[in-house]
Amino acid sequence: MSPKKKKKLTFFQKIQRFWRETIGELRKVTWPTSEEAWKMTKLVMLVMALMAMILGLLDFLFSQLITLLVAL
């Protein structure tokens, strides 16, 4: 038996296959409800605010430390 030969696809056939497979995968996705999306959005905003405060504090402390070291 001879091995199966793969048919060489044209550029447009590749795009068509990619699009068809993408749509098929998107149909399998479980999308969040509106309420779940808002809860996750609020959580992300809270984490971003906390991280901004932590990084801002660390930046301030390190800049003060550098200023202290340079002044000596």
N, C-alpha and C. Protein backbone atom coordinates (compact mmCIF):
# COMPACT_ATOMS: atom_id res chain seq x y z
N MET A 1 0.84 -1.19 0.00
CA MET A 1 0.00 0.00 0.00
C MET A 1 0.88 1.25 0.00
N SER A 2 0.47 2.20 -0.75
CA SER A 2 1.22 3.46 -0.78
C SER A 2 0.66 4.42 0.26
N PRO A 3 1.51 5.24 0.84
CA PRO A 3 1.01 6.21 1.84
C PRO A 3 0.10 7.23 1.17
N LYS A 4 -0.84 7.72 1.96
CA LYS A 4 -1.78 8.72 1.44
C LYS A 4 -1.04 10.00 1.11
N LYS A 5 -1.33 10.56 -0.04
CA LYS A 5 -0.73 11.82 -0.42
C LYS A 5 -1.63 12.95 0.05
N LYS A 6 -1.04 13.93 0.69
CA LYS A 6 -1.81 15.09 1.14
C LYS A 6 -1.99 16.03 -0.04
N LYS A 7 -3.22 16.47 -0.21
CA LYS A 7 -3.51 17.42 -1.27
C LYS A 7 -2.96 18.78 -0.88
N LYS A 8 -2.22 19.39 -1.75
CA LYS A 8 -1.64 20.72 -1.48
C LYS A 8 -2.75 21.76 -1.60
N LEU A 9 -2.95 22.51 -0.52
CA LEU A 9 -4.02 23.51 -0.49
C LEU A 9 -3.52 24.84 -1.01
N THR A 10 -4.41 25.55 -1.67
CA THR A 10 -4.08 26.90 -2.13
C THR A 10 -4.19 27.85 -0.95
N PHE A 11 -3.71 29.06 -1.15
CA PHE A 11 -3.76 30.08 -0.11
C PHE A 11 -5.20 30.32 0.35
N PHE A 12 -6.12 30.44 -0.60
CA PHE A 12 -7.52 30.72 -0.26
C PHE A 12 -8.17 29.54 0.43
N GLN A 13 -7.79 28.32 0.09
CA GLN A 13 -8.32 27.14 0.77
C GLN A 13 -7.82 27.09 2.21
N LYS A 14 -6.58 27.50 2.42
CA LYS A 14 -6.05 27.55 3.79
C LYS A 14 -6.80 28.56 4.63
N ILE A 15 -7.06 29.72 4.05
CA ILE A 15 -7.82 30.75 4.77
C ILE A 15 -9.22 30.25 5.07
N GLN A 16 -9.85 29.60 4.11
CA GLN A 16 -11.21 29.07 4.30
C GLN A 16 -11.22 28.03 5.41
N ARG A 17 -10.23 27.14 5.42
CA ARG A 17 -10.16 26.11 6.46
C ARG A 17 -9.95 26.75 7.83
N PHE A 18 -9.02 27.72 7.90
CA PHE A 18 -8.76 28.42 9.15
C PHE A 18 -10.04 29.07 9.68
N TRP A 19 -10.75 29.77 8.81
CA TRP A 19 -11.98 30.46 9.23
C TRP A 19 -13.02 29.46 9.72
N ARG A 20 -13.20 28.35 9.00
CA ARG A 20 -14.19 27.34 9.37
C ARG A 20 -13.84 26.72 10.72
N GLU A 21 -12.56 26.42 10.94
CA GLU A 21 -12.13 25.84 12.22
C GLU A 21 -12.27 26.84 13.35
N THR A 22 -11.99 28.11 13.09
CA THR A 22 -12.12 29.15 14.11
C THR A 22 -13.56 29.29 14.55
N ILE A 23 -14.48 29.34 13.59
CA ILE A 23 -15.91 29.45 13.92
C ILE A 23 -16.35 28.23 14.72
N GLY A 24 -15.88 27.05 14.33
CA GLY A 24 -16.23 25.83 15.06
C GLY A 24 -15.76 25.86 16.50
N GLU A 25 -14.56 26.38 16.73
CA GLU A 25 -14.04 26.48 18.10
C GLU A 25 -14.81 27.53 18.90
N LEU A 26 -15.16 28.65 18.28
CA LEU A 26 -15.91 29.69 19.00
C LEU A 26 -17.29 29.20 19.41
N ARG A 27 -17.87 28.28 18.67
CA ARG A 27 -19.19 27.74 19.04
C ARG A 27 -19.10 26.86 20.28
N LYS A 28 -17.90 26.33 20.57
CA LYS A 28 -17.71 25.47 21.74
C LYS A 28 -17.49 26.27 23.03
N VAL A 29 -17.22 27.55 22.90
CA VAL A 29 -16.89 28.39 24.05
C VAL A 29 -18.12 28.61 24.92
N THR A 30 -17.94 28.53 26.23
CA THR A 30 -19.00 28.87 27.17
C THR A 30 -18.80 30.33 27.55
N TRP A 31 -19.63 31.20 27.02
CA TRP A 31 -19.49 32.63 27.24
C TRP A 31 -20.07 33.00 28.60
N PRO A 32 -19.45 33.94 29.32
CA PRO A 32 -19.99 34.35 30.63
C PRO A 32 -21.27 35.17 30.45
N THR A 33 -22.10 35.11 31.48
CA THR A 33 -23.30 35.94 31.46
C THR A 33 -22.88 37.39 31.70
N SER A 34 -23.81 38.28 31.51
CA SER A 34 -23.52 39.70 31.72
C SER A 34 -23.10 39.95 33.16
N GLU A 35 -23.79 39.31 34.08
CA GLU A 35 -23.49 39.48 35.51
C GLU A 35 -22.09 38.95 35.84
N GLU A 36 -21.73 37.78 35.29
CA GLU A 36 -20.41 37.22 35.53
C GLU A 36 -19.32 38.12 34.93
N ALA A 37 -19.58 38.66 33.76
CA ALA A 37 -18.59 39.54 33.11
C ALA A 37 -18.35 40.79 33.96
N TRP A 38 -19.41 41.37 34.52
CA TRP A 38 -19.25 42.56 35.37
C TRP A 38 -18.48 42.23 36.64
N LYS A 39 -18.78 41.07 37.24
CA LYS A 39 -18.06 40.67 38.45
C LYS A 39 -16.56 40.50 38.17
N MET A 40 -16.24 39.86 37.05
CA MET A 40 -14.83 39.67 36.70
C MET A 40 -14.16 41.00 36.38
N THR A 41 -14.89 41.91 35.73
CA THR A 41 -14.35 43.23 35.41
C THR A 41 -14.03 44.00 36.68
N LYS A 42 -14.96 43.96 37.65
CA LYS A 42 -14.73 44.64 38.92
C LYS A 42 -13.53 44.05 39.65
N LEU A 43 -13.39 42.73 39.61
CA LEU A 43 -12.25 42.08 40.26
C LEU A 43 -10.93 42.51 39.61
N VAL A 44 -10.91 42.56 38.29
CA VAL A 44 -9.69 42.99 37.59
C VAL A 44 -9.35 44.43 37.95
N MET A 45 -10.35 45.31 38.00
CA MET A 45 -10.11 46.71 38.34
C MET A 45 -9.57 46.83 39.77
N LEU A 46 -10.11 46.04 40.70
CA LEU A 46 -9.65 46.05 42.09
C LEU A 46 -8.19 45.60 42.18
N VAL A 47 -7.86 44.51 41.50
CA VAL A 47 -6.49 44.01 41.53
C VAL A 47 -5.54 45.03 40.91
N MET A 48 -5.96 45.67 39.82
CA MET A 48 -5.12 46.70 39.19
C MET A 48 -4.87 47.87 40.13
N ALA A 49 -5.91 48.30 40.85
CA ALA A 49 -5.77 49.42 41.79
C ALA A 49 -4.82 49.03 42.93
N LEU A 50 -4.98 47.84 43.46
CA LEU A 50 -4.10 47.39 44.54
C LEU A 50 -2.65 47.30 44.08
N MET A 51 -2.44 46.74 42.91
CA MET A 51 -1.07 46.62 42.39
C MET A 51 -0.47 47.99 42.10
N ALA A 52 -1.28 48.93 41.62
CA ALA A 52 -0.79 50.29 41.37
C ALA A 52 -0.34 50.93 42.68
N MET A 53 -1.13 50.74 43.74
CA MET A 53 -0.74 51.31 45.03
C MET A 53 0.54 50.67 45.57
N ILE A 54 0.64 49.35 45.47
CA ILE A 54 1.83 48.65 45.95
C ILE A 54 3.06 49.09 45.17
N LEU A 55 2.95 49.12 43.85
CA LEU A 55 4.10 49.53 43.03
C LEU A 55 4.45 51.00 43.25
N GLY A 56 3.44 51.84 43.43
CA GLY A 56 3.69 53.25 43.71
C GLY A 56 4.43 53.42 45.04
N LEU A 57 4.01 52.68 46.05
CA LEU A 57 4.67 52.73 47.35
C LEU A 57 6.12 52.25 47.25
N LEU A 58 6.32 51.14 46.56
CA LEU A 58 7.69 50.63 46.39
C LEU A 58 8.56 51.62 45.63
N ASP A 59 8.00 52.24 44.61
CA ASP A 59 8.74 53.24 43.83
C ASP A 59 9.14 54.41 44.72
N PHE A 60 8.20 54.88 45.54
CA PHE A 60 8.49 55.99 46.45
C PHE A 60 9.58 55.60 47.44
N LEU A 61 9.47 54.41 48.04
CA LEU A 61 10.45 53.97 49.03
C LEU A 61 11.84 53.83 48.41
N PHE A 62 11.91 53.23 47.23
CA PHE A 62 13.21 53.06 46.59
C PHE A 62 13.80 54.40 46.16
N SER A 63 12.97 55.32 45.69
CA SER A 63 13.50 56.63 45.31
C SER A 63 14.01 57.38 46.54
N GLN A 64 13.33 57.25 47.68
CA GLN A 64 13.81 57.86 48.91
C GLN A 64 15.12 57.23 49.36
N LEU A 65 15.23 55.92 49.21
CA LEU A 65 16.45 55.21 49.58
C LEU A 65 17.62 55.68 48.70
N ILE A 66 17.39 55.79 47.41
CA ILE A 66 18.45 56.27 46.50
C ILE A 66 18.84 57.69 46.84
N THR A 67 17.84 58.55 47.13
CA THR A 67 18.13 59.93 47.50
C THR A 67 18.98 59.97 48.78
N LEU A 68 18.64 59.14 49.74
CA LEU A 68 19.41 59.06 50.98
C LEU A 68 20.85 58.62 50.72
N LEU A 69 21.01 57.61 49.86
CA LEU A 69 22.34 57.11 49.57
C LEU A 69 23.19 58.12 48.80
N VAL A 70 22.58 58.85 47.90
CA VAL A 70 23.31 59.84 47.12
C VAL A 70 23.70 61.03 48.00
N ALA A 71 22.84 61.39 48.96
CA ALA A 71 23.10 62.53 49.83
C ALA A 71 24.26 62.27 50.77
N LEU A 72 24.55 61.01 51.06
CA LEU A 72 25.64 60.70 51.99
C LEU A 72 26.92 60.98 51.35
